[in-house]
Amino acid sequence: MKATTGLSLSIRLIIDEKIELPVVMSTNANHKYTVEDLDWNHMKKRIAELERERIAELEAYLQAAGLENYELTEEDKKVLLEKPVLKEFVIEKLFFFQNGDTDLQKKDINGKGIPVITSGVQNNGILGLTDKKAKIISPDTITVDMFGNVYYRNFEYKIVTHARVFSLEPYEWKLSEKSGLYICSKLKYLTELFSYDNMCSFNKIKDFLVELPVNSSGTPDFDYMERYICALEKLAIADVVKYKDKVVETSKRIIKE
């Protein structure tokens, strides 16, 4: 009974609301427009136009990102089925850390200069741009915030000091986008261990272990990481591309008709 009452109340709240819709214009200046005058053809055409625009944007993005070909190759299938040799590494032995040197604030964000990294997942922790003088961290590094959120950064950035963000930079190799993403995925467990009441810091995680695939010499196998992430990207984009192809074909058929 309560559900029915609630539904009736919702209907009463919107029943007098007005919305604007396209209509077929009448030559009679005194004509009173009704549902019968709605211009359904215009609405259908407009939706078709919007779909074409969005599909064009999607195709351009996929091509620019090198993801227009999502079909798994035999090598992709092999790497997804492969069981690499794994080895645990102490974080402190793989990375050195850096903190910011300036207490950057929201008031310092002016849309100019270099991205500023803070704690949190909104916009991947990017607070905005600033040209205020502060220590610049190199690209191809990983940031860790006080909640344990980890992100690979392929650009130069500055770090706020009050939000306890720090960066991890490898000692003996250079991270690529794919190897960086792979290692970040291996550090995702940090979010389960840290919170506002127990903030993450390098001193707290320096002795933690991260499990990585290794080559015959026992060092991290970055070639495997690259190939594995590449195959996962294809799997992730496959459904989107297939949907896009289906919409394109449907749109072409409608336009032709």
Protein backbone atom coordinates (compact mmCIF):
# COMPACT_ATOMS: atom_id res chain seq x y z
CA MET A 1 0.00 0.00 0.00
CA LYS A 2 2.91 2.32 0.87
CA ALA A 3 4.55 1.60 -2.47
CA THR A 4 1.36 2.49 -4.33
CA THR A 5 0.99 5.69 -2.33
CA GLY A 6 4.59 6.63 -3.06
CA LEU A 7 4.12 5.95 -6.77
CA SER A 8 0.95 8.04 -6.87
CA LEU A 9 2.79 10.87 -5.13
CA SER A 10 5.60 10.71 -7.72
CA ILE A 11 3.09 10.86 -10.57
CA ARG A 12 1.37 13.85 -9.00
CA LEU A 13 4.70 15.63 -8.69
CA ILE A 14 5.51 15.34 -12.40
CA ILE A 15 2.09 15.28 -14.05
CA ASP A 16 2.01 19.08 -14.43
CA GLU A 17 5.63 19.37 -15.55
CA LYS A 18 6.16 20.73 -19.08
CA ILE A 19 8.80 19.79 -21.63
CA GLU A 20 9.55 21.25 -25.03
CA LEU A 21 9.38 18.97 -28.06
CA PRO A 22 9.56 19.69 -31.81
CA VAL A 23 6.26 19.90 -33.66
CA VAL A 24 5.15 20.17 -37.26
CA MET A 25 4.33 23.85 -37.59
CA SER A 26 0.76 24.72 -38.53
CA THR A 27 -0.13 27.49 -41.00
CA ASN A 28 -2.98 28.41 -38.63
CA ALA A 29 -1.73 31.00 -36.16
CA ASN A 30 -4.45 30.00 -33.70
CA HIS A 31 -3.72 26.29 -33.87
CA LYS A 32 -3.48 24.55 -30.48
CA TYR A 33 -0.76 21.96 -30.62
CA THR A 34 -1.35 18.45 -29.32
CA VAL A 35 0.54 15.16 -29.26
CA GLU A 36 -0.69 14.60 -32.81
CA ASP A 37 1.52 17.47 -33.98
CA LEU A 38 4.80 16.06 -32.63
CA ASP A 39 7.52 15.93 -35.29
CA TRP A 40 8.69 12.33 -34.84
CA ASN A 41 10.71 12.38 -38.07
CA HIS A 42 12.76 15.33 -36.85
CA MET A 43 13.46 13.59 -33.53
CA LYS A 44 14.53 10.37 -35.25
CA LYS A 45 16.83 12.26 -37.62
CA ARG A 46 18.34 14.26 -34.77
CA ILE A 47 19.05 11.13 -32.75
CA ALA A 48 20.63 9.53 -35.82
CA GLU A 49 22.84 12.60 -36.25
CA LEU A 50 23.95 12.45 -32.62
CA GLU A 51 24.72 8.76 -32.95
CA ARG A 52 26.84 9.39 -36.04
CA GLU A 53 28.74 12.15 -34.24
CA ARG A 54 29.44 9.95 -31.21
CA ILE A 55 30.44 6.99 -33.38
CA ALA A 56 32.82 9.21 -35.37
CA GLU A 57 34.37 10.43 -32.11
CA LEU A 58 34.72 6.85 -30.88
CA GLU A 59 36.33 5.70 -34.13
CA ALA A 60 38.77 8.62 -34.02
CA TYR A 61 39.68 7.79 -30.43
CA LEU A 62 40.19 4.11 -31.14
CA GLN A 63 42.40 4.89 -34.12
CA ALA A 64 44.46 7.47 -32.20
CA ALA A 65 44.89 5.05 -29.30
CA GLY A 66 45.88 2.23 -31.65
CA LEU A 67 42.90 0.17 -30.54
CA GLU A 68 40.93 0.00 -33.76
CA ASN A 69 42.15 -3.58 -34.17
CA TYR A 70 40.81 -5.51 -31.19
CA GLU A 71 41.09 -9.02 -32.62
CA LEU A 72 43.28 -11.26 -30.49
CA THR A 73 46.28 -12.66 -32.33
CA GLU A 74 47.68 -16.09 -31.58
CA GLU A 75 50.40 -14.35 -29.57
CA ASP A 76 47.75 -12.50 -27.56
CA LYS A 77 45.92 -15.75 -26.81
CA LYS A 78 49.17 -17.38 -25.83
CA VAL A 79 50.16 -14.65 -23.37
CA LEU A 80 46.69 -14.72 -21.75
CA LEU A 81 46.99 -18.47 -21.18
CA GLU A 82 50.64 -18.35 -20.22
CA LYS A 83 51.59 -18.87 -16.59
CA PRO A 84 54.71 -16.80 -16.06
CA VAL A 85 57.31 -17.47 -13.40
CA LEU A 86 56.56 -15.10 -10.52
CA LYS A 87 58.87 -13.70 -7.91
CA GLU A 88 58.27 -11.47 -4.92
CA PHE A 89 60.25 -8.24 -4.70
CA VAL A 90 60.58 -5.90 -1.74
CA ILE A 91 59.19 -2.50 -2.77
CA GLU A 92 62.18 -0.66 -1.31
CA LYS A 93 64.54 -2.74 -3.46
CA LEU A 94 62.67 -1.82 -6.66
CA PHE A 95 61.80 1.84 -6.12
CA PHE A 96 63.05 4.96 -4.43
CA PHE A 97 60.46 7.48 -3.33
CA GLN A 98 60.04 11.24 -3.58
CA ASN A 99 57.80 13.72 -1.79
CA GLY A 100 56.74 17.19 -2.81
CA ASP A 101 58.57 20.20 -1.38
CA THR A 102 55.81 22.81 -1.45
CA ASP A 103 52.44 22.88 0.31
CA LEU A 104 50.39 23.47 -2.83
CA GLN A 105 46.79 24.50 -2.15
CA LYS A 106 43.61 24.78 -4.19
CA LYS A 107 44.22 28.52 -4.42
CA ASP A 108 47.43 27.73 -6.34
CA ILE A 109 45.52 25.93 -9.09
CA ASN A 110 45.32 28.46 -11.90
CA GLY A 111 45.04 26.34 -15.04
CA LYS A 112 48.64 27.02 -16.03
CA GLY A 113 51.81 24.98 -15.84
CA ILE A 114 52.06 21.40 -14.58
CA PRO A 115 49.47 18.98 -13.09
CA VAL A 116 49.28 18.75 -9.32
CA ILE A 117 48.64 15.38 -7.68
CA THR A 118 46.64 15.03 -4.49
CA SER A 119 44.97 12.17 -2.61
CA GLY A 120 41.75 10.62 -3.88
CA VAL A 121 40.32 8.94 -6.97
CA GLN A 122 38.50 11.92 -8.48
CA ASN A 123 40.15 12.71 -11.82
CA ASN A 124 42.79 10.09 -10.89
CA GLY A 125 44.03 12.38 -8.14
CA ILE A 126 44.82 15.29 -10.49
CA LEU A 127 43.89 18.49 -8.65
CA GLY A 128 44.57 20.78 -11.60
CA LEU A 129 47.39 22.84 -13.14
CA THR A 130 49.68 25.31 -11.45
CA ASP A 131 52.72 27.33 -12.39
CA LYS A 132 53.66 27.96 -8.75
CA LYS A 133 57.26 27.00 -8.12
CA ALA A 134 57.51 23.48 -6.68
CA LYS A 135 59.49 20.29 -7.14
CA ILE A 136 58.74 18.58 -10.46
CA ILE A 137 58.56 14.78 -10.53
CA SER A 138 59.64 12.98 -13.68
CA PRO A 139 57.15 11.14 -15.92
CA ASP A 140 56.95 7.35 -16.07
CA THR A 141 56.61 7.07 -12.32
CA ILE A 142 53.90 5.85 -9.95
CA THR A 143 52.09 7.92 -7.33
CA VAL A 144 50.73 6.49 -4.08
CA ASP A 145 48.39 8.51 -1.89
CA MET A 146 47.47 8.24 1.78
CA PHE A 147 44.55 5.91 0.99
CA GLY A 148 46.77 3.51 -0.97
CA ASN A 149 45.51 4.58 -4.41
CA VAL A 150 48.19 3.99 -7.04
CA TYR A 151 48.42 5.58 -10.50
CA TYR A 152 50.98 5.44 -13.27
CA ARG A 153 51.91 8.92 -14.51
CA ASN A 154 53.26 9.41 -18.03
CA PHE A 155 53.71 13.16 -17.52
CA GLU A 156 55.63 15.57 -15.29
CA TYR A 157 53.77 16.60 -12.13
CA LYS A 158 53.97 18.28 -8.76
CA ILE A 159 52.82 16.79 -5.47
CA VAL A 160 50.88 18.40 -2.63
CA THR A 161 52.55 17.86 0.73
CA HIS A 162 49.55 18.03 3.06
CA ALA A 163 47.76 15.05 1.45
CA ARG A 164 50.65 12.60 1.94
CA VAL A 165 51.20 11.68 -1.68
CA PHE A 166 54.55 10.25 -2.75
CA SER A 167 56.03 8.90 -5.97
CA LEU A 168 57.80 5.63 -6.77
CA GLU A 169 60.56 5.63 -9.37
CA PRO A 170 62.46 2.47 -10.39
CA TYR A 171 66.16 2.25 -9.60
CA GLU A 172 67.37 0.32 -12.61
CA TRP A 173 64.84 0.58 -15.40
CA LYS A 174 62.33 2.93 -17.00
CA LEU A 175 58.62 2.28 -16.73
CA SER A 176 56.49 2.28 -19.87
CA GLU A 177 52.76 2.89 -19.84
CA LYS A 178 51.94 -0.81 -19.98
CA SER A 179 54.53 -2.00 -17.45
CA GLY A 180 53.48 0.89 -15.20
CA LEU A 181 49.84 -0.17 -15.40
CA TYR A 182 50.81 -3.78 -14.72
CA ILE A 183 52.73 -2.88 -11.57
CA CYS A 184 49.90 -0.60 -10.41
CA SER A 185 47.51 -3.53 -10.70
CA LYS A 186 49.83 -5.50 -8.43
CA LEU A 187 49.74 -2.72 -5.84
CA LYS A 188 45.96 -2.33 -5.78
CA TYR A 189 45.86 -4.28 -2.53
CA LEU A 190 47.19 -1.20 -0.73
CA THR A 191 43.70 0.34 -0.73
CA GLU A 192 42.53 -2.54 1.46
CA LEU A 193 45.15 -1.74 4.09
CA PHE A 194 45.03 2.04 4.38
CA SER A 195 42.41 4.67 5.17
CA TYR A 196 42.05 8.12 6.68
CA ASP A 197 42.62 6.56 10.12
CA ASN A 198 45.68 4.66 8.92
CA MET A 199 47.38 6.69 6.21
CA CYS A 200 49.75 5.13 3.74
CA SER A 201 53.39 6.26 3.61
CA PHE A 202 56.56 4.95 2.03
CA ASN A 203 57.93 3.94 5.43
CA LYS A 204 54.87 1.77 5.97
CA ILE A 205 55.07 -0.03 2.63
CA LYS A 206 58.82 -0.10 1.92
CA ASP A 207 59.12 -3.67 3.23
CA PHE A 208 55.95 -4.88 1.48
CA LEU A 209 56.21 -7.39 -1.31
CA VAL A 210 55.05 -7.05 -4.91
CA GLU A 211 54.79 -10.16 -7.07
CA LEU A 212 56.04 -9.73 -10.63
CA PRO A 213 56.77 -12.03 -13.58
CA VAL A 214 60.48 -12.65 -14.09
CA ASN A 215 62.67 -13.72 -17.01
CA SER A 216 65.35 -16.40 -17.03
CA SER A 217 67.77 -14.11 -15.19
CA GLY A 218 65.28 -13.58 -12.36
CA THR A 219 64.67 -9.90 -13.10
CA PRO A 220 61.24 -8.36 -13.84
CA ASP A 221 59.98 -9.49 -17.26
CA PHE A 222 58.82 -6.22 -18.77
CA ASP A 223 58.31 -7.78 -22.18
CA TYR A 224 55.69 -10.11 -20.69
CA MET A 225 54.01 -7.19 -18.89
CA GLU A 226 53.80 -5.24 -22.14
CA ARG A 227 52.30 -8.14 -24.06
CA TYR A 228 49.87 -9.06 -21.28
CA ILE A 229 48.48 -5.53 -20.85
CA CYS A 230 48.19 -5.18 -24.64
CA ALA A 231 46.07 -8.34 -24.81
CA LEU A 232 43.90 -7.16 -21.91
CA GLU A 233 43.33 -3.84 -23.67
CA LYS A 234 42.03 -5.68 -26.70
CA LEU A 235 39.64 -7.71 -24.56
CA ALA A 236 38.42 -4.59 -22.76
CA ILE A 237 37.77 -2.66 -25.95
CA ALA A 238 36.25 -5.56 -27.91
CA ASP A 239 32.69 -5.14 -26.61
CA VAL A 240 32.80 -1.38 -27.20
CA VAL A 241 34.04 -1.80 -30.76
CA LYS A 242 31.46 -4.48 -31.52
CA TYR A 243 28.71 -2.22 -30.20
CA LYS A 244 30.07 0.61 -32.31
CA ASP A 245 30.06 -1.55 -35.44
CA LYS A 246 26.49 -2.65 -34.76
CA VAL A 247 25.29 0.95 -34.32
CA VAL A 248 27.12 2.05 -37.47
CA GLU A 249 25.45 -0.65 -39.55
CA THR A 250 22.05 0.11 -38.06
CA SER A 251 22.51 3.84 -38.72
CA LYS A 252 23.56 3.19 -42.32
CA ARG A 253 20.48 1.03 -42.88
CA ILE A 254 18.16 3.63 -41.38
CA ILE A 255 19.71 6.45 -43.40
CA LYS A 256 19.46 4.38 -46.58
CA GLU A 257 15.82 3.60 -45.91
